[in-house]
């Protein structure tokens, strides 16, 4: 199914053990997070395109139907600029406060206001990069989607809690995720990050020199299987993305010592499919997140 914006409401947990229903176009009352894309003009395309980017790596595709129109109506000039897509497929963006007609509903009335645009229906097709691969039915695979700026970035704390971090802010999920955490710990002994994409896939960083002994064979098999398959099918983009991840996570820029991007499964396979939802319990976060259109994690 072609990617489309659906202007439907969504439910968001907030501080005080409450849940609010947010309509498309209203201010976003939670952590500004998710896969990072932008709508741009490019000399190789006659129409605006959706771009995924990491430094010199750039891949373009069609903008989801209806998205630019909604962004223009909300106050985003020309419908261009950055968006986020959460693990519940919510599309978020930021609108300049002076151009946003619902600014009176936002916790902050200056800067760039985080706004809920609607939900993503269908799959954004990036051609050579599959962002919705088959989840492993048993064991793990090497993650072959985008290895940067893709998915909500969560951390597994030492006490087994899922936490969303940004700068000095630390917001826990509204729910328990015991099965996700337990699976994470099967492959990584220490606290660290995991990523959850808009299609519900979960991938983690696994240090090659600290793989639990009972998982060494499984991880090694996953690496060999991925590499053989990618090379035989000529999947240059996937090979480049994984290699770039290994280099970026290595202390000496050597892919042999980098962290492996490991696909541990799909949200539907854990905790009855419960999606992690960050609860903002510090109002100063909204002031900080409104300073710029793009905030780096």
C-alpha atoms as a PDB file:
ATOM      1  CA  UNK A   1       0.000   0.000   0.000  1.00  0.00           C
ATOM      2  CA  UNK A   2       1.331   3.414  -0.968  1.00  0.00           C
ATOM      3  CA  UNK A   3       2.221   5.675   1.937  1.00  0.00           C
ATOM      4  CA  UNK A   4      -0.599   8.055   2.855  1.00  0.00           C
ATOM      5  CA  UNK A   5      -1.348  10.499   5.640  1.00  0.00           C
ATOM      6  CA  UNK A   6      -4.510   9.661   7.570  1.00  0.00           C
ATOM      7  CA  UNK A   7      -5.816  12.630   9.563  1.00  0.00           C
ATOM      8  CA  UNK A   8      -7.073  10.617  12.510  1.00  0.00           C
ATOM      9  CA  UNK A   9      -6.822  11.141  16.258  1.00  0.00           C
ATOM     10  CA  UNK A  10      -4.375   9.367  18.545  1.00  0.00           C
ATOM     11  CA  UNK A  11      -4.174   8.690  22.279  1.00  0.00           C
ATOM     12  CA  UNK A  12      -1.156   9.911  24.231  1.00  0.00           C
ATOM     13  CA  UNK A  13      -0.249   9.096  27.863  1.00  0.00           C
ATOM     14  CA  UNK A  14       0.644  12.204  29.872  1.00  0.00           C
ATOM     15  CA  UNK A  15       1.863  12.966  33.372  1.00  0.00           C
ATOM     16  CA  UNK A  16      -0.457  12.051  36.217  1.00  0.00           C
ATOM     17  CA  UNK A  17      -1.390   8.609  34.861  1.00  0.00           C
ATOM     18  CA  UNK A  18      -3.728  10.213  32.331  1.00  0.00           C
ATOM     19  CA  UNK A  19      -4.309   9.682  28.621  1.00  0.00           C
ATOM     20  CA  UNK A  20      -5.478  12.400  26.237  1.00  0.00           C
ATOM     21  CA  UNK A  21      -6.919  12.131  22.737  1.00  0.00           C
ATOM     22  CA  UNK A  22      -5.151  14.382  20.231  1.00  0.00           C
ATOM     23  CA  UNK A  23      -6.697  15.354  16.912  1.00  0.00           C
ATOM     24  CA  UNK A  24      -4.625  15.903  13.783  1.00  0.00           C
ATOM     25  CA  UNK A  25      -3.215  19.421  13.840  1.00  0.00           C
ATOM     26  CA  UNK A  26      -3.086  19.799  17.621  1.00  0.00           C
ATOM     27  CA  UNK A  27       0.087  20.385  19.679  1.00  0.00           C
ATOM     28  CA  UNK A  28       1.999  17.202  20.508  1.00  0.00           C
ATOM     29  CA  UNK A  29       2.019  16.645  24.301  1.00  0.00           C
ATOM     30  CA  UNK A  30       4.841  14.127  24.527  1.00  0.00           C
ATOM     31  CA  UNK A  31       8.484  13.579  23.608  1.00  0.00           C
ATOM     32  CA  UNK A  32       9.348  14.674  20.072  1.00  0.00           C
ATOM     33  CA  UNK A  33      10.767  11.453  18.668  1.00  0.00           C
ATOM     34  CA  UNK A  34      10.768   8.931  15.841  1.00  0.00           C
ATOM     35  CA  UNK A  35      12.351   8.228  12.474  1.00  0.00           C
ATOM     36  CA  UNK A  36      13.722  11.391  10.893  1.00  0.00           C
ATOM     37  CA  UNK A  37      12.796  12.451   7.371  1.00  0.00           C
ATOM     38  CA  UNK A  38      12.452  15.755   5.546  1.00  0.00           C
ATOM     39  CA  UNK A  39      10.499  17.082   2.581  1.00  0.00           C
ATOM     40  CA  UNK A  40      12.779  18.886   0.147  1.00  0.00           C
ATOM     41  CA  UNK A  41      13.195  20.050  -3.421  1.00  0.00           C
ATOM     42  CA  UNK A  42      15.964  18.405  -5.420  1.00  0.00           C
ATOM     43  CA  UNK A  43      17.337  19.103  -8.873  1.00  0.00           C
ATOM     44  CA  UNK A  44      16.907  15.465  -9.908  1.00  0.00           C
ATOM     45  CA  UNK A  45      13.155  15.489  -9.251  1.00  0.00           C
ATOM     46  CA  UNK A  46      10.365  17.632 -10.672  1.00  0.00           C
ATOM     47  CA  UNK A  47       8.260  17.364  -7.505  1.00  0.00           C
ATOM     48  CA  UNK A  48       9.202  17.674  -3.826  1.00  0.00           C
ATOM     49  CA  UNK A  49      10.549  14.440  -2.355  1.00  0.00           C
ATOM     50  CA  UNK A  50      10.935  12.784   1.014  1.00  0.00           C
ATOM     51  CA  UNK A  51      14.558  12.445   2.096  1.00  0.00           C
ATOM     52  CA  UNK A  52      16.354  10.207   4.571  1.00  0.00           C
ATOM     53  CA  UNK A  53      19.842  11.464   5.304  1.00  0.00           C
ATOM     54  CA  UNK A  54      22.950  10.713   7.305  1.00  0.00           C
ATOM     55  CA  UNK A  55      25.834  13.004   6.418  1.00  0.00           C
ATOM     56  CA  UNK A  56      26.782  12.139   2.812  1.00  0.00           C
ATOM     57  CA  UNK A  57      24.245   9.293   2.586  1.00  0.00           C
ATOM     58  CA  UNK A  58      20.941  10.437   1.094  1.00  0.00           C
ATOM     59  CA  UNK A  59      17.990   8.467  -0.261  1.00  0.00           C
ATOM     60  CA  UNK A  60      14.862  10.016  -1.778  1.00  0.00           C
ATOM     61  CA  UNK A  61      11.336   8.800  -2.386  1.00  0.00           C
ATOM     62  CA  UNK A  62       7.796  10.087  -2.897  1.00  0.00           C
ATOM     63  CA  UNK A  63       6.123  12.150  -0.195  1.00  0.00           C
ATOM     64  CA  UNK A  64       3.181  10.300   1.421  1.00  0.00           C
ATOM     65  CA  UNK A  65      -0.106  11.350  -0.170  1.00  0.00           C
ATOM     66  CA  UNK A  66      -1.756  14.262   1.597  1.00  0.00           C
ATOM     67  CA  UNK A  67       1.221  15.118   3.794  1.00  0.00           C
ATOM     68  CA  UNK A  68       2.414  18.305   2.092  1.00  0.00           C
ATOM     69  CA  UNK A  69      -1.102  19.691   1.905  1.00  0.00           C
ATOM     70  CA  UNK A  70      -1.619  19.150   5.629  1.00  0.00           C
ATOM     71  CA  UNK A  71       1.735  20.711   6.465  1.00  0.00           C
ATOM     72  CA  UNK A  72       0.914  23.799   4.405  1.00  0.00           C
ATOM     73  CA  UNK A  73      -2.473  24.175   6.100  1.00  0.00           C
ATOM     74  CA  UNK A  74      -0.822  23.877   9.502  1.00  0.00           C
ATOM     75  CA  UNK A  75       1.601  26.705   8.705  1.00  0.00           C
ATOM     76  CA  UNK A  76       4.726  24.984   7.389  1.00  0.00           C
ATOM     77  CA  UNK A  77       6.003  27.079   4.497  1.00  0.00           C
ATOM     78  CA  UNK A  78       5.476  25.275   1.194  1.00  0.00           C
ATOM     79  CA  UNK A  79       4.984  22.003   3.059  1.00  0.00           C
ATOM     80  CA  UNK A  80       8.771  21.635   3.307  1.00  0.00           C
ATOM     81  CA  UNK A  81      10.889  20.730   6.310  1.00  0.00           C
ATOM     82  CA  UNK A  82      11.519  17.946   8.785  1.00  0.00           C
ATOM     83  CA  UNK A  83       9.108  15.368  10.162  1.00  0.00           C
ATOM     84  CA  UNK A  84       9.274  12.496  12.632  1.00  0.00           C
ATOM     85  CA  UNK A  85       7.371   9.205  12.541  1.00  0.00           C
ATOM     86  CA  UNK A  86       6.840   7.439  15.868  1.00  0.00           C
ATOM     87  CA  UNK A  87       6.626   3.724  16.569  1.00  0.00           C
ATOM     88  CA  UNK A  88       2.831   4.117  16.537  1.00  0.00           C
ATOM     89  CA  UNK A  89       3.081   5.666  13.034  1.00  0.00           C
ATOM     90  CA  UNK A  90       2.223   9.160  14.267  1.00  0.00           C
ATOM     91  CA  UNK A  91       3.657  11.851  11.999  1.00  0.00           C
ATOM     92  CA  UNK A  92       5.043  14.819  13.910  1.00  0.00           C
ATOM     93  CA  UNK A  93       6.471  18.109  12.740  1.00  0.00           C
ATOM     94  CA  UNK A  94       7.297  21.558  14.076  1.00  0.00           C
ATOM     95  CA  UNK A  95       5.467  24.719  13.074  1.00  0.00           C
ATOM     96  CA  UNK A  96       6.736  28.266  13.701  1.00  0.00           C
ATOM     97  CA  UNK A  97       4.671  29.674  16.569  1.00  0.00           C
ATOM     98  CA  UNK A  98       3.818  32.823  14.589  1.00  0.00           C
ATOM     99  CA  UNK A  99       2.286  30.713  11.790  1.00  0.00           C
ATOM    100  CA  UNK A 100       0.480  28.111  13.907  1.00  0.00           C
ATOM    101  CA  UNK A 101      -3.221  28.745  14.441  1.00  0.00           C
ATOM    102  CA  UNK A 102      -3.480  26.482  17.496  1.00  0.00           C
ATOM    103  CA  UNK A 103      -0.547  28.050  19.330  1.00  0.00           C
ATOM    104  CA  UNK A 104      -2.876  28.995  22.202  1.00  0.00           C
ATOM    105  CA  UNK A 105      -3.254  25.257  22.949  1.00  0.00           C
ATOM    106  CA  UNK A 106       0.499  24.636  23.157  1.00  0.00           C
ATOM    107  CA  UNK A 107       2.495  24.694  26.415  1.00  0.00           C
ATOM    108  CA  UNK A 108       4.907  27.188  24.788  1.00  0.00           C
ATOM    109  CA  UNK A 109       3.897  30.040  22.459  1.00  0.00           C
ATOM    110  CA  UNK A 110       7.295  30.856  20.929  1.00  0.00           C
ATOM    111  CA  UNK A 111       9.791  29.056  18.715  1.00  0.00           C
ATOM    112  CA  UNK A 112       8.938  25.831  16.877  1.00  0.00           C
ATOM    113  CA  UNK A 113       5.827  24.088  18.194  1.00  0.00           C
ATOM    114  CA  UNK A 114       5.727  20.246  18.007  1.00  0.00           C
ATOM    115  CA  UNK A 115       2.500  19.269  16.242  1.00  0.00           C
ATOM    116  CA  UNK A 116       0.712  15.988  15.577  1.00  0.00           C
ATOM    117  CA  UNK A 117      -0.100  15.820  11.847  1.00  0.00           C
ATOM    118  CA  UNK A 118      -1.828  12.429  11.594  1.00  0.00           C
ATOM    119  CA  UNK A 119      -0.943   8.772  11.118  1.00  0.00           C
ATOM    120  CA  UNK A 120       1.078   7.098   8.415  1.00  0.00           C
ATOM    121  CA  UNK A 121      -0.833   4.454   6.476  1.00  0.00           C
ATOM    122  CA  UNK A 122       1.055   2.099   4.186  1.00  0.00           C
ATOM    123  CA  UNK A 123       4.803   1.867   3.725  1.00  0.00           C
ATOM    124  CA  UNK A 124       7.247   4.547   2.632  1.00  0.00           C
ATOM    125  CA  UNK A 125       9.086   2.865  -0.245  1.00  0.00           C
ATOM    126  CA  UNK A 126      12.794   3.703  -0.315  1.00  0.00           C
ATOM    127  CA  UNK A 127      13.427   1.141  -3.059  1.00  0.00           C
ATOM    128  CA  UNK A 128      16.882  -0.280  -2.284  1.00  0.00           C
ATOM    129  CA  UNK A 129      16.417  -0.032   1.500  1.00  0.00           C
ATOM    130  CA  UNK A 130      13.647  -2.159   3.000  1.00  0.00           C
ATOM    131  CA  UNK A 131      12.346  -0.394   6.113  1.00  0.00           C
ATOM    132  CA  UNK A 132       9.807  -3.138   6.824  1.00  0.00           C
ATOM    133  CA  UNK A 133      11.678  -6.445   6.458  1.00  0.00           C
ATOM    134  CA  UNK A 134      10.376  -9.739   7.783  1.00  0.00           C
ATOM    135  CA  UNK A 135      10.998  -9.992  11.514  1.00  0.00           C
ATOM    136  CA  UNK A 136      13.020 -12.971  12.737  1.00  0.00           C
ATOM    137  CA  UNK A 137      10.651 -15.793  13.688  1.00  0.00           C
ATOM    138  CA  UNK A 138      13.317 -17.189  16.004  1.00  0.00           C
ATOM    139  CA  UNK A 139      16.697 -15.887  17.033  1.00  0.00           C
ATOM    140  CA  UNK A 140      17.887 -12.643  15.455  1.00  0.00           C
ATOM    141  CA  UNK A 141      18.954 -11.101  12.160  1.00  0.00           C
ATOM    142  CA  UNK A 142      21.214  -8.242  11.173  1.00  0.00           C
ATOM    143  CA  UNK A 143      19.117  -5.081  10.829  1.00  0.00           C
ATOM    144  CA  UNK A 144      18.998  -4.164   7.144  1.00  0.00           C
ATOM    145  CA  UNK A 145      16.886  -1.006   7.232  1.00  0.00           C
ATOM    146  CA  UNK A 146      18.317   2.452   7.844  1.00  0.00           C
ATOM    147  CA  UNK A 147      21.000   2.221  10.521  1.00  0.00           C
ATOM    148  CA  UNK A 148      20.870   5.901  11.502  1.00  0.00           C
ATOM    149  CA  UNK A 149      18.047   8.330  12.274  1.00  0.00           C
ATOM    150  CA  UNK A 150      15.555   5.496  12.087  1.00  0.00           C
ATOM    151  CA  UNK A 151      13.234   4.574  14.912  1.00  0.00           C
ATOM    152  CA  UNK A 152      12.544   5.957  18.349  1.00  0.00           C
ATOM    153  CA  UNK A 153      15.719   5.811  20.400  1.00  0.00           C
ATOM    154  CA  UNK A 154      15.079   4.204  23.785  1.00  0.00           C
ATOM    155  CA  UNK A 155      17.484   3.106  26.500  1.00  0.00           C
ATOM    156  CA  UNK A 156      17.342   0.039  28.699  1.00  0.00           C
ATOM    157  CA  UNK A 157      18.278   1.208  32.187  1.00  0.00           C
ATOM    158  CA  UNK A 158      20.153  -0.826  34.785  1.00  0.00           C
ATOM    159  CA  UNK A 159      16.869  -1.503  36.595  1.00  0.00           C
ATOM    160  CA  UNK A 160      15.184  -2.827  33.447  1.00  0.00           C
ATOM    161  CA  UNK A 161      13.086   0.233  32.621  1.00  0.00           C
ATOM    162  CA  UNK A 162      12.647   1.603  29.107  1.00  0.00           C
ATOM    163  CA  UNK A 163      13.656   5.266  29.153  1.00  0.00           C
ATOM    164  CA  UNK A 164      13.607   7.932  26.450  1.00  0.00           C
ATOM    165  CA  UNK A 165      16.541  10.350  26.836  1.00  0.00           C
ATOM    166  CA  UNK A 166      17.309  13.692  25.261  1.00  0.00           C
ATOM    167  CA  UNK A 167      19.930  16.096  26.583  1.00  0.00           C
ATOM    168  CA  UNK A 168      19.398  16.056  30.367  1.00  0.00           C
ATOM    169  CA  UNK A 169      15.793  14.869  30.118  1.00  0.00           C
ATOM    170  CA  UNK A 170      14.826  11.325  31.033  1.00  0.00           C
ATOM    171  CA  UNK A 171      11.256  10.113  30.500  1.00  0.00           C
ATOM    172  CA  UNK A 172      10.108   6.578  31.258  1.00  0.00           C
ATOM    173  CA  UNK A 173       7.564   4.640  29.243  1.00  0.00           C
ATOM    174  CA  UNK A 174       4.032   4.641  30.610  1.00  0.00           C
ATOM    175  CA  UNK A 175       4.027   0.846  30.411  1.00  0.00           C
ATOM    176  CA  UNK A 176       6.077  -2.167  31.423  1.00  0.00           C
ATOM    177  CA  UNK A 177       8.073  -3.908  28.693  1.00  0.00           C
ATOM    178  CA  UNK A 178       9.510  -6.914  30.490  1.00  0.00           C
ATOM    179  CA  UNK A 179       9.756  -9.123  27.407  1.00  0.00           C
ATOM    180  CA  UNK A 180      11.538  -6.508  25.284  1.00  0.00           C
ATOM    181  CA  UNK A 181      14.013  -5.873  28.093  1.00  0.00           C
ATOM    182  CA  UNK A 182      14.559  -9.599  28.699  1.00  0.00           C
ATOM    183  CA  UNK A 183      15.297 -10.206  25.013  1.00  0.00           C
ATOM    184  CA  UNK A 184      17.628  -7.207  24.901  1.00  0.00           C
ATOM    185  CA  UNK A 185      19.558  -8.651  27.845  1.00  0.00           C
ATOM    186  CA  UNK A 186      19.950 -11.993  26.111  1.00  0.00           C
ATOM    187  CA  UNK A 187      22.197 -10.294  23.556  1.00  0.00           C
ATOM    188  CA  UNK A 188      23.688  -7.417  25.509  1.00  0.00           C
ATOM    189  CA  UNK A 189      24.758  -7.539  29.145  1.00  0.00           C
ATOM    190  CA  UNK A 190      24.988  -3.803  29.747  1.00  0.00           C
ATOM    191  CA  UNK A 191      22.448  -1.002  29.738  1.00  0.00           C
ATOM    192  CA  UNK A 192      22.210   0.641  26.325  1.00  0.00           C
ATOM    193  CA  UNK A 193      20.025   1.734  23.450  1.00  0.00           C
ATOM    194  CA  UNK A 194      17.374   0.100  21.346  1.00  0.00           C
ATOM    195  CA  UNK A 195      15.458   1.508  18.402  1.00  0.00           C
ATOM    196  CA  UNK A 196      11.794   1.000  17.482  1.00  0.00           C
ATOM    197  CA  UNK A 197      10.743   1.942  13.957  1.00  0.00           C
ATOM    198  CA  UNK A 198       7.412   3.136  12.588  1.00  0.00           C
ATOM    199  CA  UNK A 199       6.755  -0.416  11.419  1.00  0.00           C
ATOM    200  CA  UNK A 200       7.323  -1.811  14.903  1.00  0.00           C
ATOM    201  CA  UNK A 201      10.742  -3.364  14.298  1.00  0.00           C
ATOM    202  CA  UNK A 202      13.185  -3.384  17.201  1.00  0.00           C
ATOM    203  CA  UNK A 203      16.934  -3.308  16.672  1.00  0.00           C
ATOM    204  CA  UNK A 204      19.821  -2.939  19.102  1.00  0.00           C
ATOM    205  CA  UNK A 205      23.580  -2.372  19.126  1.00  0.00           C
ATOM    206  CA  UNK A 206      25.564  -5.478  20.081  1.00  0.00           C
ATOM    207  CA  UNK A 207      29.294  -5.139  20.931  1.00  0.00           C
ATOM    208  CA  UNK A 208      31.245  -7.833  19.114  1.00  0.00           C
ATOM    209  CA  UNK A 209      33.631  -8.249  22.031  1.00  0.00           C
ATOM    210  CA  UNK A 210      30.896  -8.628  24.647  1.00  0.00           C
ATOM    211  CA  UNK A 211      28.403 -11.083  23.150  1.00  0.00           C
ATOM    212  CA  UNK A 212      27.067 -13.480  25.808  1.00  0.00           C
ATOM    213  CA  UNK A 213      28.732 -16.875  25.405  1.00  0.00           C
ATOM    214  CA  UNK A 214      25.476 -18.693  24.657  1.00  0.00           C
ATOM    215  CA  UNK A 215      24.682 -16.247  21.824  1.00  0.00           C
ATOM    216  CA  UNK A 216      28.062 -16.127  20.076  1.00  0.00           C
ATOM    217  CA  UNK A 217      27.206 -18.843  17.555  1.00  0.00           C
ATOM    218  CA  UNK A 218      23.784 -17.353  16.830  1.00  0.00           C
ATOM    219  CA  UNK A 219      25.154 -13.855  16.221  1.00  0.00           C
ATOM    220  CA  UNK A 220      27.976 -15.204  14.068  1.00  0.00           C
ATOM    221  CA  UNK A 221      25.496 -17.166  11.972  1.00  0.00           C
ATOM    222  CA  UNK A 222      23.288 -14.076  11.566  1.00  0.00           C
ATOM    223  CA  UNK A 223      26.247 -12.018  10.329  1.00  0.00           C
ATOM    224  CA  UNK A 224      27.337 -14.658   7.817  1.00  0.00           C
ATOM    225  CA  UNK A 225      23.799 -15.206   6.550  1.00  0.00           C
ATOM    226  CA  UNK A 226      23.220 -11.480   6.082  1.00  0.00           C
ATOM    227  CA  UNK A 227      26.532 -10.873   4.324  1.00  0.00           C
ATOM    228  CA  UNK A 228      26.192 -13.817   1.938  1.00  0.00           C
ATOM    229  CA  UNK A 229      22.651 -12.848   1.046  1.00  0.00           C
ATOM    230  CA  UNK A 230      23.357  -9.140   0.588  1.00  0.00           C
ATOM    231  CA  UNK A 231      26.415  -9.798  -1.574  1.00  0.00           C
ATOM    232  CA  UNK A 232      24.689 -12.417  -3.727  1.00  0.00           C
ATOM    233  CA  UNK A 233      21.708 -10.117  -4.316  1.00  0.00           C
ATOM    234  CA  UNK A 234      23.889  -7.088  -4.972  1.00  0.00           C
ATOM    235  CA  UNK A 235      22.372  -5.090  -2.107  1.00  0.00           C
ATOM    236  CA  UNK A 236      24.981  -2.343  -2.114  1.00  0.00           C
ATOM    237  CA  UNK A 237      22.897   0.080  -0.044  1.00  0.00           C
ATOM    238  CA  UNK A 238      22.393  -2.407   2.784  1.00  0.00           C
ATOM    239  CA  UNK A 239      26.067  -3.368   2.831  1.00  0.00           C
ATOM    240  CA  UNK A 240      27.048   0.295   2.934  1.00  0.00           C
ATOM    241  CA  UNK A 241      24.584   1.159   5.720  1.00  0.00           C
ATOM    242  CA  UNK A 242      25.672  -1.687   7.989  1.00  0.00           C
ATOM    243  CA  UNK A 243      29.344  -0.968   7.353  1.00  0.00           C
ATOM    244  CA  UNK A 244      28.814   2.725   8.097  1.00  0.00           C
ATOM    245  CA  UNK A 245      27.126   1.779  11.377  1.00  0.00           C
ATOM    246  CA  UNK A 246      30.044  -0.447  12.331  1.00  0.00           C
ATOM    247  CA  UNK A 247      32.531   2.334  11.611  1.00  0.00           C
ATOM    248  CA  UNK A 248      30.488   4.976  13.458  1.00  0.00           C
ATOM    249  CA  UNK A 249      30.210   2.836  16.595  1.00  0.00           C
ATOM    250  CA  UNK A 250      33.868   1.784  16.620  1.00  0.00           C
ATOM    251  CA  UNK A 251      36.364   3.551  18.864  1.00  0.00           C
ATOM    252  CA  UNK A 252      39.013   3.396  16.144  1.00  0.00           C
ATOM    253  CA  UNK A 253      36.855   3.661  12.979  1.00  0.00           C
ATOM    254  CA  UNK A 254      37.411  -0.027  12.308  1.00  0.00           C
ATOM    255  CA  UNK A 255      34.230  -1.892  11.277  1.00  0.00           C
ATOM    256  CA  UNK A 256      35.660  -5.058  12.830  1.00  0.00           C
ATOM    257  CA  UNK A 257      35.321  -3.473  16.279  1.00  0.00           C
ATOM    258  CA  UNK A 258      32.010  -1.656  15.808  1.00  0.00           C
ATOM    259  CA  UNK A 259      28.609  -2.483  17.289  1.00  0.00           C
ATOM    260  CA  UNK A 260      26.451  -4.842  15.242  1.00  0.00           C
ATOM    261  CA  UNK A 261      22.936  -3.602  14.385  1.00  0.00           C
ATOM    262  CA  UNK A 262      20.861  -6.609  15.451  1.00  0.00           C
ATOM    263  CA  UNK A 263      17.159  -7.041  14.647  1.00  0.00           C
ATOM    264  CA  UNK A 264      15.634  -8.739  17.699  1.00  0.00           C
ATOM    265  CA  UNK A 265      12.034  -8.787  16.514  1.00  0.00           C
ATOM    266  CA  UNK A 266       8.772  -6.907  16.124  1.00  0.00           C
ATOM    267  CA  UNK A 267       6.661  -5.182  18.766  1.00  0.00           C
ATOM    268  CA  UNK A 268       3.863  -7.662  18.109  1.00  0.00           C
ATOM    269  CA  UNK A 269       6.127 -10.432  19.451  1.00  0.00           C
ATOM    270  CA  UNK A 270       6.603  -8.820  22.878  1.00  0.00           C
ATOM    271  CA  UNK A 271       4.421  -7.736  25.799  1.00  0.00           C
ATOM    272  CA  UNK A 272       1.164  -8.298  23.861  1.00  0.00           C
ATOM    273  CA  UNK A 273       2.299  -5.677  21.352  1.00  0.00           C
ATOM    274  CA  UNK A 274       2.368  -2.801  23.849  1.00  0.00           C
ATOM    275  CA  UNK A 275       4.053   0.223  22.264  1.00  0.00           C
ATOM    276  CA  UNK A 276       6.443   2.189  24.511  1.00  0.00           C
ATOM    277  CA  UNK A 277       5.117   5.701  25.177  1.00  0.00           C
ATOM    278  CA  UNK A 278       7.287   8.351  26.815  1.00  0.00           C
ATOM    279  CA  UNK A 279       5.605  10.397  29.549  1.00  0.00           C
ATOM    280  CA  UNK A 280       6.893  13.964  29.835  1.00  0.00           C
ATOM    281  CA  UNK A 281       6.966  14.889  33.524  1.00  0.00           C
ATOM    282  CA  UNK A 282       9.127  18.016  33.276  1.00  0.00           C
ATOM    283  CA  UNK A 283       7.425  21.026  31.690  1.00  0.00           C
ATOM    284  CA  UNK A 284      10.770  22.696  30.943  1.00  0.00           C
ATOM    285  CA  UNK A 285      11.271  20.084  28.209  1.00  0.00           C
ATOM    286  CA  UNK A 286       8.780  21.898  25.986  1.00  0.00           C
ATOM    287  CA  UNK A 287      10.779  25.115  26.203  1.00  0.00           C
ATOM    288  CA  UNK A 288      13.959  23.288  25.213  1.00  0.00           C
ATOM    289  CA  UNK A 289      12.457  21.288  22.351  1.00  0.00           C
ATOM    290  CA  UNK A 290      10.859  24.409  20.820  1.00  0.00           C
ATOM    291  CA  UNK A 291      14.175  26.216  20.364  1.00  0.00           C
ATOM    292  CA  UNK A 292      14.895  24.806  16.898  1.00  0.00           C
ATOM    293  CA  UNK A 293      13.086  23.015  14.090  1.00  0.00           C
ATOM    294  CA  UNK A 294      15.605  20.175  14.128  1.00  0.00           C
ATOM    295  CA  UNK A 295      16.890  18.814  17.422  1.00  0.00           C
ATOM    296  CA  UNK A 296      19.711  16.285  17.464  1.00  0.00           C
ATOM    297  CA  UNK A 297      19.699  13.186  19.610  1.00  0.00           C
END
